[in-house]
Amino acid sequence: MKSKTTTAIVLGQKKFGENDKLVFLYTKDFGKLMTVVRGARKMTSKFTGHLETLNSCDVTLYFGPGNILITEILSSKSLLKDDTNFLQLKTGIQIAEVTNRLLEENHAIDGLSNLLETSIMQLKKTEKPEIVLTCYIIKLLDMLGLMPEFNTGTRFKMEEKYVKYFNYAKLNPMHMLDNINLKTEETQFITKILKDYIEEEVNKKIIHL
């Protein structure tokens, strides 16, 4: 059994037992991990505030025979600042959820940590958080090799303008995507297409998209 220190981004958490939490991480060295934090739900826990969704942390992990335990938090900071508005916060949580749902345990993707951080940076600056969300999902699906050709051989067919949007989002850096102008109903259509595809073809349930 070994202890290792790594940098991680928190993708989500949930209750585990009476006092513990399951915390889902995307780590620099091990990819996605499901970890256990003993006593994290106690008011006096040293982990309080450090393992919120979209925190960037330096953590010490103990790889035990049954579970991976977070034993220490060496540092932590929120990728979403305190002045984030409700819509930006909601979109950031959606980005974390989609990432957590699409990645399997121990799945590591070159460049994903950077994509997460640049997407959240863009989210804090933009007035179009829904554009950041859809573009992030498109890029993530492409990284995973799951991006289909929506215009051919699939029931998720789209008009040419939407096909162009998908290609533009896939190929351009996140900071350039704020130039995209879409009506609310167009963005909602793209979000629905992505949600339906992930749930029906990739077979991953997305709750909050």
Protein backbone atom coordinates (compact mmCIF):
# COMPACT_ATOMS: atom_id res chain seq x y z
CA MET A 1 0.00 0.00 0.00
CA LYS A 2 1.40 3.41 -0.91
CA SER A 3 0.79 7.09 -0.27
CA LYS A 4 1.13 9.48 -3.17
CA THR A 5 0.77 13.25 -3.48
CA THR A 6 -0.84 14.70 -6.59
CA THR A 7 -2.71 17.71 -7.93
CA ALA A 8 -6.43 17.20 -8.42
CA ILE A 9 -9.63 18.95 -9.45
CA VAL A 10 -12.75 18.00 -7.49
CA LEU A 11 -15.52 16.78 -9.80
CA GLY A 12 -18.15 16.07 -7.15
CA GLN A 13 -18.93 14.39 -3.86
CA LYS A 14 -21.65 12.53 -2.03
CA LYS A 15 -22.38 11.17 1.44
CA PHE A 16 -20.78 7.87 2.40
CA GLY A 17 -21.74 6.22 5.64
CA GLU A 18 -22.45 8.27 8.74
CA ASN A 19 -19.52 10.69 8.73
CA ASP A 20 -17.59 10.12 5.51
CA LYS A 21 -17.74 11.35 1.93
CA LEU A 22 -17.00 9.92 -1.48
CA VAL A 23 -15.06 12.55 -3.41
CA PHE A 24 -14.53 12.25 -7.17
CA LEU A 25 -11.25 13.69 -8.42
CA TYR A 26 -9.55 14.24 -11.72
CA THR A 27 -5.87 13.92 -10.84
CA LYS A 28 -2.74 14.89 -12.69
CA ASP A 29 -1.04 11.53 -12.15
CA PHE A 30 -3.83 8.93 -11.96
CA GLY A 31 -6.75 10.27 -14.00
CA LYS A 32 -10.21 10.06 -12.48
CA LEU A 33 -10.42 8.57 -9.01
CA MET A 34 -13.20 7.85 -6.54
CA THR A 35 -11.79 8.51 -3.08
CA VAL A 36 -13.04 8.23 0.49
CA VAL A 37 -12.57 11.02 3.02
CA ARG A 38 -12.95 9.75 6.57
CA GLY A 39 -14.85 12.07 8.92
CA ALA A 40 -15.37 14.69 6.22
CA ARG A 41 -18.97 15.36 7.31
CA LYS A 42 -18.03 16.21 10.89
CA MET A 43 -18.14 19.90 11.78
CA THR A 44 -14.57 19.69 13.09
CA SER A 45 -13.14 17.98 9.99
CA LYS A 46 -9.85 19.39 8.70
CA PHE A 47 -11.22 18.87 5.19
CA THR A 48 -14.14 21.30 5.58
CA GLY A 49 -14.22 23.73 2.65
CA HIS A 50 -11.25 22.16 0.87
CA LEU A 51 -13.06 19.52 -1.22
CA GLU A 52 -15.88 21.51 -2.79
CA THR A 53 -16.68 20.88 -6.44
CA LEU A 54 -14.19 22.58 -8.80
CA ASN A 55 -11.59 23.15 -6.11
CA SER A 56 -8.04 22.60 -7.29
CA CYS A 57 -6.10 20.77 -4.58
CA ASP A 58 -2.78 19.22 -3.72
CA VAL A 59 -3.77 16.03 -1.94
CA THR A 60 -2.07 13.03 -0.36
CA LEU A 61 -3.75 9.75 -1.31
CA TYR A 62 -3.43 6.42 0.45
CA PHE A 63 -4.04 3.49 -1.89
CA GLY A 64 -5.52 0.91 0.46
CA PRO A 65 -6.73 -2.62 -0.28
CA GLY A 66 -10.36 -1.54 -0.66
CA ASN A 67 -10.48 2.20 -1.08
CA ILE A 68 -8.35 5.18 -1.97
CA LEU A 69 -8.28 7.56 0.99
CA ILE A 70 -7.55 11.28 1.00
CA THR A 71 -5.36 11.68 4.08
CA GLU A 72 -4.09 15.25 3.69
CA ILE A 73 -4.95 18.46 1.86
CA LEU A 74 -1.71 20.39 1.30
CA SER A 75 -3.39 23.30 -0.47
CA SER A 76 -6.67 24.15 -2.15
CA LYS A 77 -8.24 26.96 -4.13
CA SER A 78 -11.57 27.38 -5.86
CA LEU A 79 -11.50 27.63 -9.65
CA LEU A 80 -14.78 29.56 -9.30
CA LYS A 81 -14.22 32.80 -7.37
CA ASP A 82 -16.49 34.19 -4.69
CA ASP A 83 -17.98 36.79 -7.05
CA THR A 84 -19.26 34.13 -9.47
CA ASN A 85 -22.94 34.67 -10.25
CA PHE A 86 -25.58 31.95 -9.97
CA LEU A 87 -25.62 31.07 -13.67
CA GLN A 88 -21.82 30.80 -13.84
CA LEU A 89 -21.81 28.63 -10.71
CA LYS A 90 -24.57 26.39 -12.08
CA THR A 91 -22.70 26.00 -15.38
CA GLY A 92 -19.46 25.17 -13.58
CA ILE A 93 -21.23 22.42 -11.63
CA GLN A 94 -22.65 21.08 -14.91
CA ILE A 95 -19.14 20.96 -16.42
CA ALA A 96 -17.90 19.01 -13.41
CA GLU A 97 -20.85 16.61 -13.51
CA VAL A 98 -20.50 15.85 -17.22
CA THR A 99 -16.78 15.20 -16.73
CA ASN A 100 -17.42 12.90 -13.79
CA ARG A 101 -20.13 10.97 -15.63
CA LEU A 102 -18.20 10.49 -18.87
CA LEU A 103 -14.90 9.35 -17.36
CA GLU A 104 -14.38 5.84 -16.04
CA GLU A 105 -12.25 5.07 -13.00
CA ASN A 106 -8.49 5.59 -13.63
CA HIS A 107 -9.24 7.18 -17.00
CA ALA A 108 -6.57 9.78 -17.78
CA ILE A 109 -6.77 12.15 -20.75
CA ASP A 110 -3.84 14.25 -21.86
CA GLY A 111 -4.79 17.92 -21.66
CA LEU A 112 -8.04 17.50 -19.71
CA SER A 113 -6.86 19.35 -16.60
CA ASN A 114 -5.90 22.30 -18.77
CA LEU A 115 -9.24 22.19 -20.60
CA LEU A 116 -11.11 22.20 -17.28
CA GLU A 117 -9.14 25.15 -15.96
CA THR A 118 -9.34 27.24 -19.16
CA SER A 119 -13.06 26.53 -19.46
CA ILE A 120 -13.70 27.73 -15.90
CA MET A 121 -11.53 30.80 -16.52
CA GLN A 122 -13.61 31.59 -19.60
CA LEU A 123 -16.80 30.93 -17.66
CA LYS A 124 -15.86 33.62 -15.13
CA LYS A 125 -15.35 36.20 -17.89
CA THR A 126 -18.18 35.44 -20.28
CA GLU A 127 -21.76 36.63 -20.51
CA LYS A 128 -22.54 33.42 -22.41
CA PRO A 129 -22.01 30.55 -19.95
CA GLU A 130 -24.21 28.22 -22.01
CA ILE A 131 -21.75 28.58 -24.92
CA VAL A 132 -18.86 27.61 -22.63
CA LEU A 133 -20.81 24.56 -21.45
CA THR A 134 -21.70 23.21 -24.89
CA CYS A 135 -18.22 23.88 -26.26
CA TYR A 136 -16.63 22.13 -23.28
CA ILE A 137 -18.82 19.05 -23.77
CA ILE A 138 -17.99 18.95 -27.48
CA LYS A 139 -14.26 19.15 -26.73
CA LEU A 140 -14.51 16.49 -24.02
CA LEU A 141 -16.43 14.09 -26.27
CA ASP A 142 -13.77 14.64 -28.94
CA MET A 143 -10.96 13.90 -26.44
CA LEU A 144 -12.75 10.69 -25.48
CA GLY A 145 -13.16 9.64 -29.10
CA LEU A 146 -16.95 9.77 -28.71
CA MET A 147 -17.77 12.67 -30.99
CA PRO A 148 -20.02 11.38 -33.79
CA GLU A 149 -20.62 12.83 -37.22
CA PHE A 150 -24.01 14.27 -36.41
CA ASN A 151 -24.84 15.00 -40.03
CA THR A 152 -24.43 11.47 -41.37
CA GLY A 153 -25.77 8.06 -40.47
CA THR A 154 -27.32 9.05 -37.16
CA ARG A 155 -30.71 10.08 -35.92
CA PHE A 156 -29.06 13.06 -34.21
CA LYS A 157 -29.03 14.99 -37.47
CA MET A 158 -28.64 18.77 -37.51
CA GLU A 159 -28.86 21.68 -39.88
CA GLU A 160 -25.60 22.74 -41.50
CA LYS A 161 -25.23 25.78 -39.19
CA TYR A 162 -25.17 23.48 -36.16
CA VAL A 163 -22.67 21.13 -37.78
CA LYS A 164 -20.44 24.18 -38.34
CA TYR A 165 -20.86 25.13 -34.68
CA PHE A 166 -19.74 21.69 -33.53
CA ASN A 167 -16.69 21.78 -35.79
CA TYR A 168 -15.77 25.33 -34.73
CA ALA A 169 -16.12 24.43 -31.03
CA LYS A 170 -14.01 21.30 -31.49
CA LEU A 171 -11.15 23.01 -33.32
CA ASN A 172 -10.79 26.41 -31.62
CA PRO A 173 -9.45 27.37 -28.18
CA MET A 174 -11.97 28.22 -25.51
CA HIS A 175 -11.20 31.95 -25.44
CA MET A 176 -12.26 32.28 -29.10
CA LEU A 177 -15.67 30.73 -28.54
CA ASP A 178 -17.12 33.83 -26.89
CA ASN A 179 -17.39 35.24 -30.41
CA ILE A 180 -20.19 32.79 -31.19
CA ASN A 181 -23.65 34.33 -31.40
CA LEU A 182 -26.60 32.02 -30.91
CA LYS A 183 -30.19 32.63 -29.93
CA THR A 184 -31.39 31.11 -26.66
CA GLU A 185 -33.48 28.50 -28.47
CA GLU A 186 -30.48 27.52 -30.61
CA THR A 187 -28.29 26.97 -27.56
CA GLN A 188 -31.07 24.96 -25.92
CA PHE A 189 -31.32 22.79 -29.04
CA ILE A 190 -27.58 22.06 -29.00
CA THR A 191 -27.68 21.25 -25.28
CA LYS A 192 -30.57 18.83 -25.85
CA ILE A 193 -28.75 17.13 -28.72
CA LEU A 194 -25.68 16.64 -26.51
CA LYS A 195 -27.71 15.37 -23.55
CA ASP A 196 -29.71 12.94 -25.71
CA TYR A 197 -26.56 11.65 -27.39
CA ILE A 198 -24.71 11.11 -24.09
CA GLU A 199 -27.64 9.39 -22.42
CA GLU A 200 -28.88 7.28 -25.34
CA GLU A 201 -25.72 6.46 -27.28
CA VAL A 202 -22.95 6.73 -24.68
CA ASN A 203 -25.33 5.36 -22.01
CA LYS A 204 -24.32 7.85 -19.31
CA LYS A 205 -27.07 9.57 -17.32
CA ILE A 206 -26.62 13.32 -17.01
CA ILE A 207 -28.86 14.73 -14.29
CA HIS A 208 -28.46 18.49 -14.43
CA LEU A 209 -27.82 19.24 -18.10
